Amino acid sequence: MSDSVEPSYKNRQEGQGFVSEDEYLEISDIKRDQSGEYECSALNDVAAPDVRKVKITVNYPPYISKAKNTGVSVGQKGILSCEASAVPTAEFQWFKEDTRLATGLDGVRIENKGRISTLTFFNVSEKDYGNYTCVATNKLGNTNASITLYEISPSSAVAGPGAVIDGVNSASRALACLWLSGTLFVHFFIKF
């Protein structure tokens, strides 16, 4: 019987297998998608396999994966959103031109939840329109994205339930049309 040990390693999440003649595993040029839990299984012809687990975390600088320009009408609520992947998790900052923004100043709120940071305007005014910069930073580096808050006219905004367009509720306009036609009104009355 042989008493030599040949460890094998397997990434439990990715299913990637590695075989090593040594008691350690070297992964050259590791990528962030190789993070995860690895299992080391040592076996020989003498005893049952010995299995140990180790978690590998690959740190990497932030990169912004989602940042989209947003159109909003004056007086409406507007939200700019920035999503960044990073390990360790990125910290966010928002700027308009060279001015750093903070929650509570000029009617804005900044919320950071995990990978996503949002900049909310509760009552958009003309001065709010323009370019904003989202900066994501961790100990390995930083990145930024430019996001534009732009004006759209109220008539091009999508009307949802209770939305007011041109000062008249669209549901009221539809109901007024029913009142004009006696036949439609009777049909409407009978249905409901």
N, C-alpha and C. Protein backbone atom coordinates (compact mmCIF):
# COMPACT_ATOMS: atom_id res chain seq x y z
N MET A 1 0.82 -1.19 0.00
CA MET A 1 0.00 0.00 0.00
C MET A 1 0.86 1.24 0.00
N SER A 2 0.38 2.24 -0.66
CA SER A 2 1.10 3.51 -0.74
C SER A 2 0.64 4.44 0.35
N ASP A 3 1.60 5.12 1.00
CA ASP A 3 1.20 6.09 2.01
C ASP A 3 1.42 7.52 1.53
N SER A 4 1.67 7.71 0.22
CA SER A 4 1.81 9.07 -0.31
C SER A 4 0.42 9.70 -0.42
N VAL A 5 0.39 10.99 -0.19
CA VAL A 5 -0.88 11.71 -0.21
C VAL A 5 -0.92 12.62 -1.43
N GLU A 6 -2.03 12.58 -2.15
CA GLU A 6 -2.22 13.47 -3.30
C GLU A 6 -3.45 14.33 -3.05
N PRO A 7 -3.23 15.59 -2.59
CA PRO A 7 -4.38 16.44 -2.33
C PRO A 7 -5.04 16.90 -3.63
N SER A 8 -6.35 17.01 -3.59
CA SER A 8 -7.07 17.62 -4.71
C SER A 8 -7.92 18.74 -4.14
N TYR A 9 -8.08 19.79 -4.92
CA TYR A 9 -8.80 20.97 -4.49
C TYR A 9 -9.95 21.22 -5.45
N LYS A 10 -11.07 21.66 -4.90
CA LYS A 10 -12.23 21.93 -5.74
C LYS A 10 -12.95 23.17 -5.23
N ASN A 11 -13.23 24.11 -6.15
CA ASN A 11 -14.03 25.28 -5.81
C ASN A 11 -15.48 24.83 -5.80
N ARG A 12 -16.09 24.86 -4.63
CA ARG A 12 -17.46 24.34 -4.47
C ARG A 12 -18.47 25.15 -5.27
N GLN A 13 -18.26 26.46 -5.45
CA GLN A 13 -19.23 27.28 -6.17
C GLN A 13 -19.08 27.14 -7.68
N GLU A 14 -17.85 27.13 -8.16
CA GLU A 14 -17.60 27.12 -9.59
C GLU A 14 -17.41 25.71 -10.14
N GLY A 15 -17.14 24.73 -9.26
CA GLY A 15 -16.92 23.38 -9.70
C GLY A 15 -15.56 23.19 -10.37
N GLN A 16 -14.66 24.16 -10.20
CA GLN A 16 -13.33 24.06 -10.79
C GLN A 16 -12.48 23.12 -9.93
N GLY A 17 -11.81 22.20 -10.58
CA GLY A 17 -10.97 21.27 -9.84
C GLY A 17 -9.50 21.50 -10.13
N PHE A 18 -8.66 21.30 -9.10
CA PHE A 18 -7.22 21.43 -9.22
C PHE A 18 -6.61 20.22 -8.53
N VAL A 19 -5.52 19.72 -9.06
CA VAL A 19 -4.81 18.63 -8.41
C VAL A 19 -3.41 19.12 -8.12
N SER A 20 -2.91 18.78 -6.93
CA SER A 20 -1.57 19.23 -6.53
C SER A 20 -0.83 18.08 -5.89
N GLU A 21 0.46 18.03 -6.11
CA GLU A 21 1.31 17.02 -5.49
C GLU A 21 1.78 17.49 -4.12
N ASP A 22 1.49 18.75 -3.78
CA ASP A 22 1.94 19.37 -2.54
C ASP A 22 0.77 19.54 -1.56
N GLU A 23 1.12 20.05 -0.40
CA GLU A 23 0.08 20.29 0.61
C GLU A 23 -0.53 21.69 0.47
N TYR A 24 -0.21 22.39 -0.58
CA TYR A 24 -0.81 23.71 -0.79
C TYR A 24 -1.21 23.85 -2.26
N LEU A 25 -2.07 24.81 -2.51
CA LEU A 25 -2.54 25.09 -3.85
C LEU A 25 -2.15 26.51 -4.21
N GLU A 26 -1.53 26.67 -5.35
CA GLU A 26 -1.17 28.01 -5.81
C GLU A 26 -2.00 28.32 -7.05
N ILE A 27 -2.76 29.43 -6.98
CA ILE A 27 -3.55 29.87 -8.13
C ILE A 27 -2.89 31.15 -8.62
N SER A 28 -2.21 31.08 -9.73
CA SER A 28 -1.53 32.25 -10.29
C SER A 28 -2.56 33.13 -10.99
N ASP A 29 -2.34 34.43 -10.91
CA ASP A 29 -3.19 35.40 -11.61
C ASP A 29 -4.67 35.16 -11.31
N ILE A 30 -4.98 35.08 -10.02
CA ILE A 30 -6.34 34.79 -9.59
C ILE A 30 -7.29 35.89 -10.04
N LYS A 31 -8.50 35.51 -10.42
CA LYS A 31 -9.54 36.43 -10.87
C LYS A 31 -10.62 36.52 -9.80
N ARG A 32 -11.36 37.64 -9.83
CA ARG A 32 -12.38 37.83 -8.79
C ARG A 32 -13.46 36.77 -8.83
N ASP A 33 -13.73 36.17 -9.99
CA ASP A 33 -14.75 35.13 -10.05
C ASP A 33 -14.26 33.79 -9.48
N GLN A 34 -12.99 33.74 -9.07
CA GLN A 34 -12.47 32.53 -8.43
C GLN A 34 -12.61 32.60 -6.91
N SER A 35 -13.25 33.66 -6.41
CA SER A 35 -13.57 33.74 -4.98
C SER A 35 -14.54 32.61 -4.66
N GLY A 36 -14.54 32.20 -3.42
CA GLY A 36 -15.51 31.20 -3.01
C GLY A 36 -14.91 30.22 -2.02
N GLU A 37 -15.66 29.18 -1.75
CA GLU A 37 -15.23 28.16 -0.80
C GLU A 37 -14.55 27.03 -1.57
N TYR A 38 -13.36 26.66 -1.11
CA TYR A 38 -12.61 25.58 -1.72
C TYR A 38 -12.55 24.42 -0.73
N GLU A 39 -12.54 23.23 -1.28
CA GLU A 39 -12.44 22.01 -0.48
C GLU A 39 -11.12 21.34 -0.81
N CYS A 40 -10.38 20.98 0.20
CA CYS A 40 -9.15 20.21 0.00
C CYS A 40 -9.43 18.79 0.48
N SER A 41 -9.20 17.87 -0.39
CA SER A 41 -9.44 16.48 -0.07
C SER A 41 -8.11 15.73 -0.21
N ALA A 42 -7.60 15.20 0.91
CA ALA A 42 -6.34 14.45 0.89
C ALA A 42 -6.67 12.96 1.05
N LEU A 43 -6.15 12.18 0.12
CA LEU A 43 -6.45 10.76 0.21
C LEU A 43 -5.22 9.92 -0.12
N ASN A 44 -5.21 8.74 0.46
CA ASN A 44 -4.19 7.74 0.14
C ASN A 44 -4.83 6.37 0.25
N ASP A 45 -4.04 5.34 0.13
CA ASP A 45 -4.59 3.99 0.16
C ASP A 45 -4.73 3.43 1.57
N VAL A 46 -4.35 4.21 2.59
CA VAL A 46 -4.35 3.71 3.96
C VAL A 46 -5.62 4.06 4.72
N ALA A 47 -6.07 5.30 4.59
CA ALA A 47 -7.21 5.75 5.40
C ALA A 47 -8.25 6.45 4.52
N ALA A 48 -9.38 6.75 5.14
CA ALA A 48 -10.45 7.48 4.45
C ALA A 48 -9.97 8.90 4.13
N PRO A 49 -10.49 9.52 3.10
CA PRO A 49 -10.06 10.88 2.74
C PRO A 49 -10.32 11.87 3.89
N ASP A 50 -9.42 12.84 4.01
CA ASP A 50 -9.57 13.92 4.97
C ASP A 50 -9.94 15.17 4.16
N VAL A 51 -11.06 15.80 4.51
CA VAL A 51 -11.56 16.94 3.74
C VAL A 51 -11.58 18.18 4.62
N ARG A 52 -11.03 19.25 4.13
CA ARG A 52 -11.04 20.54 4.81
C ARG A 52 -11.54 21.60 3.84
N LYS A 53 -12.15 22.66 4.38
CA LYS A 53 -12.67 23.75 3.55
C LYS A 53 -11.98 25.05 3.92
N VAL A 54 -11.80 25.89 2.90
CA VAL A 54 -11.23 27.21 3.12
C VAL A 54 -11.96 28.19 2.19
N LYS A 55 -12.20 29.38 2.71
CA LYS A 55 -12.87 30.39 1.89
C LYS A 55 -11.82 31.35 1.33
N ILE A 56 -11.88 31.57 0.03
CA ILE A 56 -10.96 32.48 -0.65
C ILE A 56 -11.73 33.74 -1.04
N THR A 57 -11.22 34.89 -0.61
CA THR A 57 -11.80 36.18 -0.99
C THR A 57 -10.79 36.92 -1.85
N VAL A 58 -11.20 37.29 -3.03
CA VAL A 58 -10.32 38.04 -3.93
C VAL A 58 -10.72 39.51 -3.85
N ASN A 59 -9.81 40.33 -3.35
CA ASN A 59 -10.06 41.78 -3.27
C ASN A 59 -9.79 42.42 -4.62
N TYR A 60 -10.61 43.42 -4.97
CA TYR A 60 -10.40 44.14 -6.22
C TYR A 60 -10.97 45.55 -6.10
N PRO A 61 -10.41 46.47 -6.89
CA PRO A 61 -10.88 47.86 -6.83
C PRO A 61 -12.28 47.97 -7.43
N PRO A 62 -12.97 49.06 -7.12
CA PRO A 62 -14.33 49.23 -7.63
C PRO A 62 -14.39 49.40 -9.15
N TYR A 63 -15.48 48.93 -9.70
CA TYR A 63 -15.83 49.30 -11.07
C TYR A 63 -17.34 49.52 -11.07
N ILE A 64 -17.75 50.57 -11.77
CA ILE A 64 -19.17 50.94 -11.79
C ILE A 64 -19.84 50.15 -12.91
N SER A 65 -20.82 49.35 -12.51
CA SER A 65 -21.48 48.48 -13.48
C SER A 65 -22.78 49.08 -14.01
N LYS A 66 -23.42 49.98 -13.25
CA LYS A 66 -24.66 50.60 -13.71
C LYS A 66 -24.70 52.05 -13.27
N ALA A 67 -24.92 52.93 -14.23
CA ALA A 67 -25.12 54.35 -13.97
C ALA A 67 -25.89 54.89 -15.17
N LYS A 68 -27.10 55.37 -14.94
CA LYS A 68 -27.97 55.73 -16.05
C LYS A 68 -28.46 57.16 -15.91
N ASN A 69 -28.44 57.91 -17.01
CA ASN A 69 -29.00 59.26 -17.03
C ASN A 69 -30.50 59.18 -16.77
N THR A 70 -31.05 60.24 -16.13
CA THR A 70 -32.45 60.22 -15.74
C THR A 70 -33.12 61.53 -16.13
N GLY A 71 -34.32 61.42 -16.71
CA GLY A 71 -35.12 62.59 -17.05
C GLY A 71 -36.26 62.76 -16.08
N VAL A 72 -36.47 64.00 -15.60
CA VAL A 72 -37.50 64.30 -14.61
C VAL A 72 -38.10 65.67 -14.91
N SER A 73 -39.39 65.84 -14.66
CA SER A 73 -40.05 67.13 -14.81
C SER A 73 -39.81 67.99 -13.57
N VAL A 74 -39.84 69.30 -13.75
CA VAL A 74 -39.72 70.23 -12.62
C VAL A 74 -40.84 69.92 -11.62
N GLY A 75 -40.48 69.93 -10.33
CA GLY A 75 -41.45 69.67 -9.26
C GLY A 75 -41.64 68.21 -8.92
N GLN A 76 -41.05 67.30 -9.68
CA GLN A 76 -41.20 65.87 -9.44
C GLN A 76 -40.02 65.34 -8.63
N LYS A 77 -40.15 64.10 -8.20
CA LYS A 77 -39.06 63.41 -7.50
C LYS A 77 -38.13 62.81 -8.55
N GLY A 78 -36.81 62.98 -8.35
CA GLY A 78 -35.83 62.41 -9.27
C GLY A 78 -34.81 61.59 -8.52
N ILE A 79 -34.40 60.47 -9.12
CA ILE A 79 -33.43 59.58 -8.46
C ILE A 79 -32.32 59.24 -9.45
N LEU A 80 -31.09 59.50 -9.04
CA LEU A 80 -29.91 59.05 -9.79
C LEU A 80 -29.35 57.85 -9.03
N SER A 81 -28.95 56.82 -9.75
CA SER A 81 -28.47 55.60 -9.12
C SER A 81 -27.12 55.20 -9.70
N CYS A 82 -26.27 54.66 -8.83
CA CYS A 82 -24.92 54.26 -9.21
C CYS A 82 -24.64 52.92 -8.53
N GLU A 83 -24.25 51.91 -9.32
CA GLU A 83 -23.96 50.59 -8.76
C GLU A 83 -22.50 50.23 -9.04
N ALA A 84 -21.79 49.84 -7.99
CA ALA A 84 -20.37 49.50 -8.13
C ALA A 84 -20.07 48.17 -7.46
N SER A 85 -19.30 47.34 -8.16
CA SER A 85 -18.81 46.09 -7.58
C SER A 85 -17.41 46.33 -7.06
N ALA A 86 -17.12 45.79 -5.88
CA ALA A 86 -15.79 45.94 -5.28
C ALA A 86 -15.69 45.04 -4.05
N VAL A 87 -14.48 44.58 -3.76
CA VAL A 87 -14.19 43.88 -2.51
C VAL A 87 -12.88 44.45 -2.00
N PRO A 88 -12.86 45.06 -0.81
CA PRO A 88 -14.01 45.31 0.06
C PRO A 88 -15.00 46.28 -0.59
N THR A 89 -16.22 46.28 -0.04
CA THR A 89 -17.31 47.09 -0.58
C THR A 89 -16.89 48.54 -0.73
N ALA A 90 -17.34 49.15 -1.81
CA ALA A 90 -16.98 50.54 -2.10
C ALA A 90 -17.76 51.51 -1.21
N GLU A 91 -17.12 52.64 -0.94
CA GLU A 91 -17.79 53.77 -0.31
C GLU A 91 -18.07 54.76 -1.43
N PHE A 92 -19.22 55.46 -1.34
CA PHE A 92 -19.65 56.34 -2.41
C PHE A 92 -19.62 57.80 -1.99
N GLN A 93 -19.39 58.66 -2.97
CA GLN A 93 -19.52 60.10 -2.82
C GLN A 93 -20.17 60.62 -4.10
N TRP A 94 -20.96 61.70 -3.95
CA TRP A 94 -21.62 62.35 -5.09
C TRP A 94 -21.12 63.79 -5.20
N PHE A 95 -20.92 64.24 -6.44
CA PHE A 95 -20.47 65.60 -6.71
C PHE A 95 -21.31 66.21 -7.81
N LYS A 96 -21.53 67.52 -7.71
CA LYS A 96 -22.05 68.29 -8.83
C LYS A 96 -20.97 69.33 -9.10
N GLU A 97 -20.38 69.23 -10.29
CA GLU A 97 -19.19 70.01 -10.64
C GLU A 97 -18.11 69.70 -9.60
N ASP A 98 -17.59 70.69 -8.87
CA ASP A 98 -16.55 70.41 -7.88
C ASP A 98 -17.08 70.36 -6.46
N THR A 99 -18.39 70.41 -6.30
CA THR A 99 -18.99 70.47 -4.98
C THR A 99 -19.47 69.09 -4.54
N ARG A 100 -18.99 68.65 -3.38
CA ARG A 100 -19.44 67.37 -2.83
C ARG A 100 -20.83 67.56 -2.23
N LEU A 101 -21.72 66.64 -2.52
CA LEU A 101 -23.10 66.71 -2.03
C LEU A 101 -23.23 65.92 -0.74
N ALA A 102 -24.17 66.35 0.09
CA ALA A 102 -24.43 65.67 1.35
C ALA A 102 -25.93 65.63 1.59
N THR A 103 -26.38 64.62 2.29
CA THR A 103 -27.80 64.48 2.61
C THR A 103 -28.28 65.71 3.38
N GLY A 104 -29.46 66.19 2.99
CA GLY A 104 -30.07 67.32 3.67
C GLY A 104 -29.75 68.66 3.04
N LEU A 105 -28.69 68.74 2.25
CA LEU A 105 -28.35 70.00 1.60
C LEU A 105 -29.12 70.11 0.29
N ASP A 106 -29.73 71.26 0.08
CA ASP A 106 -30.47 71.54 -1.16
C ASP A 106 -31.55 70.51 -1.46
N GLY A 107 -32.15 69.93 -0.44
CA GLY A 107 -33.28 69.00 -0.64
C GLY A 107 -32.91 67.67 -1.27
N VAL A 108 -31.71 67.18 -1.02
CA VAL A 108 -31.32 65.88 -1.57
C VAL A 108 -31.06 64.88 -0.43
N ARG A 109 -31.17 63.60 -0.78
CA ARG A 109 -30.82 62.54 0.17
C ARG A 109 -29.91 61.55 -0.55
N ILE A 110 -28.85 61.16 0.11
CA ILE A 110 -27.94 60.15 -0.42
C ILE A 110 -28.10 58.90 0.43
N GLU A 111 -28.33 57.77 -0.24
CA GLU A 111 -28.45 56.49 0.46
C GLU A 111 -27.48 55.50 -0.15
N ASN A 112 -26.71 54.87 0.70
CA ASN A 112 -25.77 53.83 0.27
C ASN A 112 -26.19 52.50 0.88
N LYS A 113 -26.52 51.55 0.02
CA LYS A 113 -26.92 50.22 0.48
C LYS A 113 -26.13 49.19 -0.31
N GLY A 114 -25.09 48.65 0.31
CA GLY A 114 -24.27 47.63 -0.35
C GLY A 114 -23.60 48.17 -1.59
N ARG A 115 -23.96 47.61 -2.73
CA ARG A 115 -23.34 47.97 -4.01
C ARG A 115 -23.98 49.18 -4.68
N ILE A 116 -25.08 49.70 -4.13
CA ILE A 116 -25.84 50.75 -4.80
C ILE A 116 -25.89 52.02 -3.96
N SER A 117 -25.67 53.15 -4.64
CA SER A 117 -25.82 54.46 -4.02
C SER A 117 -26.85 55.24 -4.83
N THR A 118 -27.79 55.90 -4.13
CA THR A 118 -28.80 56.70 -4.82
C THR A 118 -28.75 58.14 -4.32
N LEU A 119 -28.98 59.04 -5.25
CA LEU A 119 -29.08 60.47 -4.97
C LEU A 119 -30.50 60.85 -5.32
N THR A 120 -31.29 61.25 -4.29
CA THR A 120 -32.71 61.54 -4.49
C THR A 120 -32.98 63.02 -4.35
N PHE A 121 -33.71 63.57 -5.33
CA PHE A 121 -34.18 64.96 -5.31
C PHE A 121 -35.68 64.88 -5.06
N PHE A 122 -36.16 65.50 -3.99
CA PHE A 122 -37.58 65.37 -3.65
C PHE A 122 -38.47 66.32 -4.43
N ASN A 123 -37.92 67.42 -4.90
CA ASN A 123 -38.69 68.41 -5.64
C ASN A 123 -37.73 69.06 -6.64
N VAL A 124 -37.59 68.46 -7.81
CA VAL A 124 -36.59 68.90 -8.78
C VAL A 124 -36.89 70.32 -9.25
N SER A 125 -35.85 71.16 -9.23
CA SER A 125 -35.95 72.53 -9.75
C SER A 125 -34.96 72.68 -10.90
N GLU A 126 -35.06 73.79 -11.61
CA GLU A 126 -34.18 74.05 -12.76
C GLU A 126 -32.70 73.94 -12.38
N LYS A 127 -32.35 74.40 -11.17
CA LYS A 127 -30.94 74.39 -10.77
C LYS A 127 -30.39 72.98 -10.53
N ASP A 128 -31.28 72.01 -10.39
CA ASP A 128 -30.85 70.63 -10.16
C ASP A 128 -30.38 69.93 -11.43
N TYR A 129 -30.83 70.41 -12.59
CA TYR A 129 -30.44 69.75 -13.83
C TYR A 129 -28.95 69.92 -14.09
N GLY A 130 -28.34 68.88 -14.65
CA GLY A 130 -26.92 68.96 -14.98
C GLY A 130 -26.22 67.63 -14.78
N ASN A 131 -24.90 67.68 -14.80
CA ASN A 131 -24.07 66.49 -14.66
C ASN A 131 -23.66 66.27 -13.21
N TYR A 132 -23.76 65.03 -12.78
CA TYR A 132 -23.35 64.62 -11.44
C TYR A 132 -22.29 63.53 -11.59
N THR A 133 -21.41 63.45 -10.61
CA THR A 133 -20.38 62.42 -10.63
C THR A 133 -20.54 61.54 -9.40
N CYS A 134 -20.61 60.24 -9.65
CA CYS A 134 -20.64 59.24 -8.58
C CYS A 134 -19.22 58.68 -8.49
N VAL A 135 -18.63 58.73 -7.29
CA VAL A 135 -17.28 58.21 -7.07
C VAL A 135 -17.38 57.02 -6.11
N ALA A 136 -16.83 55.88 -6.53
CA ALA A 136 -16.79 54.67 -5.70
C ALA A 136 -15.34 54.39 -5.33
N THR A 137 -15.09 54.19 -4.03
CA THR A 137 -13.72 54.05 -3.53
C THR A 137 -13.62 52.89 -2.55
N ASN A 138 -12.53 52.12 -2.64
CA ASN A 138 -12.14 51.22 -1.56
C ASN A 138 -10.62 51.30 -1.43
N LYS A 139 -10.03 50.50 -0.55
CA LYS A 139 -8.59 50.63 -0.28
C LYS A 139 -7.71 50.28 -1.48
N LEU A 140 -8.28 49.65 -2.51
CA LEU A 140 -7.50 49.27 -3.68
C LEU A 140 -7.60 50.26 -4.83
N GLY A 141 -8.50 51.23 -4.72
CA GLY A 141 -8.61 52.21 -5.80
C GLY A 141 -9.96 52.89 -5.82
N ASN A 142 -10.19 53.64 -6.90
CA ASN A 142 -11.48 54.30 -7.06
C ASN A 142 -11.83 54.41 -8.53
N THR A 143 -13.08 54.67 -8.78
CA THR A 143 -13.59 54.89 -10.13
C THR A 143 -14.74 55.85 -10.04
N ASN A 144 -15.12 56.44 -11.18
CA ASN A 144 -16.26 57.37 -11.16
C ASN A 144 -17.05 57.26 -12.44
N ALA A 145 -18.27 57.76 -12.37
CA ALA A 145 -19.15 57.79 -13.53
C ALA A 145 -19.89 59.11 -13.54
N SER A 146 -20.09 59.64 -14.72
CA SER A 146 -20.85 60.88 -14.89
C SER A 146 -22.28 60.51 -15.23
N ILE A 147 -23.23 61.12 -14.51
CA ILE A 147 -24.65 60.83 -14.71
C ILE A 147 -25.37 62.16 -14.85
N THR A 148 -26.26 62.25 -15.82
CA THR A 148 -26.97 63.50 -16.09
C THR A 148 -28.41 63.43 -15.60
N LEU A 149 -28.83 64.47 -14.88
CA LEU A 149 -30.23 64.67 -14.55
C LEU A 149 -30.73 65.70 -15.55
N TYR A 150 -31.66 65.31 -16.41
CA TYR A 150 -32.12 66.22 -17.45
C TYR A 150 -33.62 66.43 -17.35
N GLU A 151 -34.07 67.53 -17.95
CA GLU A 151 -35.48 67.93 -17.88
C GLU A 151 -36.28 67.25 -18.97
N ILE A 152 -37.46 66.78 -18.57
CA ILE A 152 -38.43 66.30 -19.55
C ILE A 152 -39.71 67.08 -19.33
N SER A 153 -40.47 67.28 -20.39
CA SER A 153 -41.72 68.03 -20.25
C SER A 153 -42.77 67.14 -19.60
N PRO A 154 -43.70 67.75 -18.85
CA PRO A 154 -44.72 66.94 -18.17
C PRO A 154 -45.55 66.09 -19.13
N SER A 155 -45.75 66.57 -20.36
CA SER A 155 -46.58 65.80 -21.29
C SER A 155 -45.87 64.55 -21.80
N SER A 156 -44.53 64.51 -21.74
CA SER A 156 -43.82 63.31 -22.18
C SER A 156 -43.60 62.33 -21.04
N ALA A 157 -43.94 62.74 -19.83
CA ALA A 157 -43.81 61.84 -18.68
C ALA A 157 -44.87 60.75 -18.79
N VAL A 158 -44.55 59.57 -18.34
CA VAL A 158 -45.50 58.46 -18.36
C VAL A 158 -46.51 58.68 -17.25
N ALA A 159 -47.79 58.63 -17.60
CA ALA A 159 -48.84 58.86 -16.61
C ALA A 159 -49.22 57.55 -15.94
N GLY A 160 -49.07 57.51 -14.65
CA GLY A 160 -49.49 56.35 -13.88
C GLY A 160 -50.82 56.65 -13.22
N PRO A 161 -51.33 55.75 -12.40
CA PRO A 161 -52.60 55.98 -11.72
C PRO A 161 -52.55 57.27 -10.90
N GLY A 162 -53.52 58.12 -11.11
CA GLY A 162 -53.60 59.36 -10.35
C GLY A 162 -52.68 60.44 -10.86
N ALA A 163 -51.97 60.18 -11.97
CA ALA A 163 -51.05 61.18 -12.50
C ALA A 163 -51.83 62.34 -13.09
N VAL A 164 -51.31 63.53 -12.94
CA VAL A 164 -51.96 64.72 -13.47
C VAL A 164 -51.16 65.20 -14.66
N ILE A 165 -51.85 65.37 -15.80
CA ILE A 165 -51.22 65.88 -17.01
C ILE A 165 -52.00 67.11 -17.44
N ASP A 166 -51.32 68.22 -17.69
CA ASP A 166 -51.95 69.48 -18.11
C ASP A 166 -53.05 69.91 -17.13
N GLY A 167 -52.90 69.58 -15.87
CA GLY A 167 -53.84 70.03 -14.85
C GLY A 167 -55.13 69.23 -14.79
N VAL A 168 -55.33 68.24 -15.63
CA VAL A 168 -56.56 67.45 -15.62
C VAL A 168 -56.18 65.98 -15.46
N ASN A 169 -56.80 65.32 -14.52
CA ASN A 169 -56.55 63.91 -14.30
C ASN A 169 -57.08 63.13 -15.50
N SER A 170 -56.28 62.24 -16.08
CA SER A 170 -56.67 61.50 -17.28
C SER A 170 -57.89 60.62 -17.02
N ALA A 171 -58.06 60.11 -15.81
CA ALA A 171 -59.24 59.30 -15.49
C ALA A 171 -60.49 60.18 -15.52
N SER A 172 -60.39 61.43 -15.03
CA SER A 172 -61.53 62.34 -15.06
C SER A 172 -61.90 62.68 -16.49
N ARG A 173 -60.90 62.86 -17.36
CA ARG A 173 -61.16 63.16 -18.76
C ARG A 173 -61.93 62.01 -19.41
N ALA A 174 -61.57 60.78 -19.12
CA ALA A 174 -62.24 59.62 -19.69
C ALA A 174 -63.67 59.53 -19.19
N LEU A 175 -63.89 59.83 -17.92
CA LEU A 175 -65.22 59.79 -17.35
C LEU A 175 -66.09 60.89 -17.96
N ALA A 176 -65.51 62.07 -18.20
CA ALA A 176 -66.26 63.17 -18.81
C ALA A 176 -66.73 62.78 -20.20
N CYS A 177 -65.92 62.04 -20.94
CA CYS A 177 -66.32 61.58 -22.27
C CYS A 177 -67.52 60.66 -22.18
N LEU A 178 -67.59 59.86 -21.14
CA LEU A 178 -68.73 58.95 -20.98
C LEU A 178 -70.02 59.73 -20.71
N TRP A 179 -69.95 60.82 -20.00
CA TRP A 179 -71.13 61.62 -19.69
C TRP A 179 -71.72 62.26 -20.95
N LEU A 180 -70.86 62.54 -21.92
CA LEU A 180 -71.33 63.21 -23.13
C LEU A 180 -72.18 62.30 -24.00
N SER A 181 -71.97 61.05 -23.94
CA SER A 181 -72.74 60.14 -24.78
C SER A 181 -73.68 59.35 -23.89
N GLY A 182 -74.98 59.57 -24.08
CA GLY A 182 -75.98 58.89 -23.27
C GLY A 182 -75.89 57.39 -23.38
N THR A 183 -75.62 56.91 -24.56
CA THR A 183 -75.52 55.47 -24.78
C THR A 183 -74.34 54.89 -24.00
N LEU A 184 -73.22 55.56 -24.11
CA LEU A 184 -72.05 55.08 -23.38
C LEU A 184 -72.28 55.17 -21.88
N PHE A 185 -72.95 56.22 -21.43
CA PHE A 185 -73.21 56.39 -20.01
C PHE A 185 -74.08 55.27 -19.48
N VAL A 186 -75.15 54.93 -20.22
CA VAL A 186 -76.03 53.84 -19.80
C VAL A 186 -75.24 52.54 -19.77
N HIS A 187 -74.44 52.30 -20.80
CA HIS A 187 -73.61 51.11 -20.84
C HIS A 187 -72.65 51.07 -19.66
N PHE A 188 -72.04 52.19 -19.34
CA PHE A 188 -71.12 52.29 -18.22
C PHE A 188 -71.85 52.02 -16.92
N PHE A 189 -73.04 52.62 -16.75
CA PHE A 189 -73.83 52.50 -15.53
C PHE A 189 -74.27 51.04 -15.32
N ILE A 190 -74.68 50.38 -16.38
CA ILE A 190 -75.14 48.99 -16.29
C ILE A 190 -73.98 48.07 -15.92
N LYS A 191 -72.79 48.33 -16.50
CA LYS A 191 -71.62 47.47 -16.22
C LYS A 191 -71.19 47.54 -14.77
N PHE A 192 -71.32 48.68 -14.16
CA PHE A 192 -70.83 48.86 -12.80
C PHE A 192 -72.00 49.06 -11.88
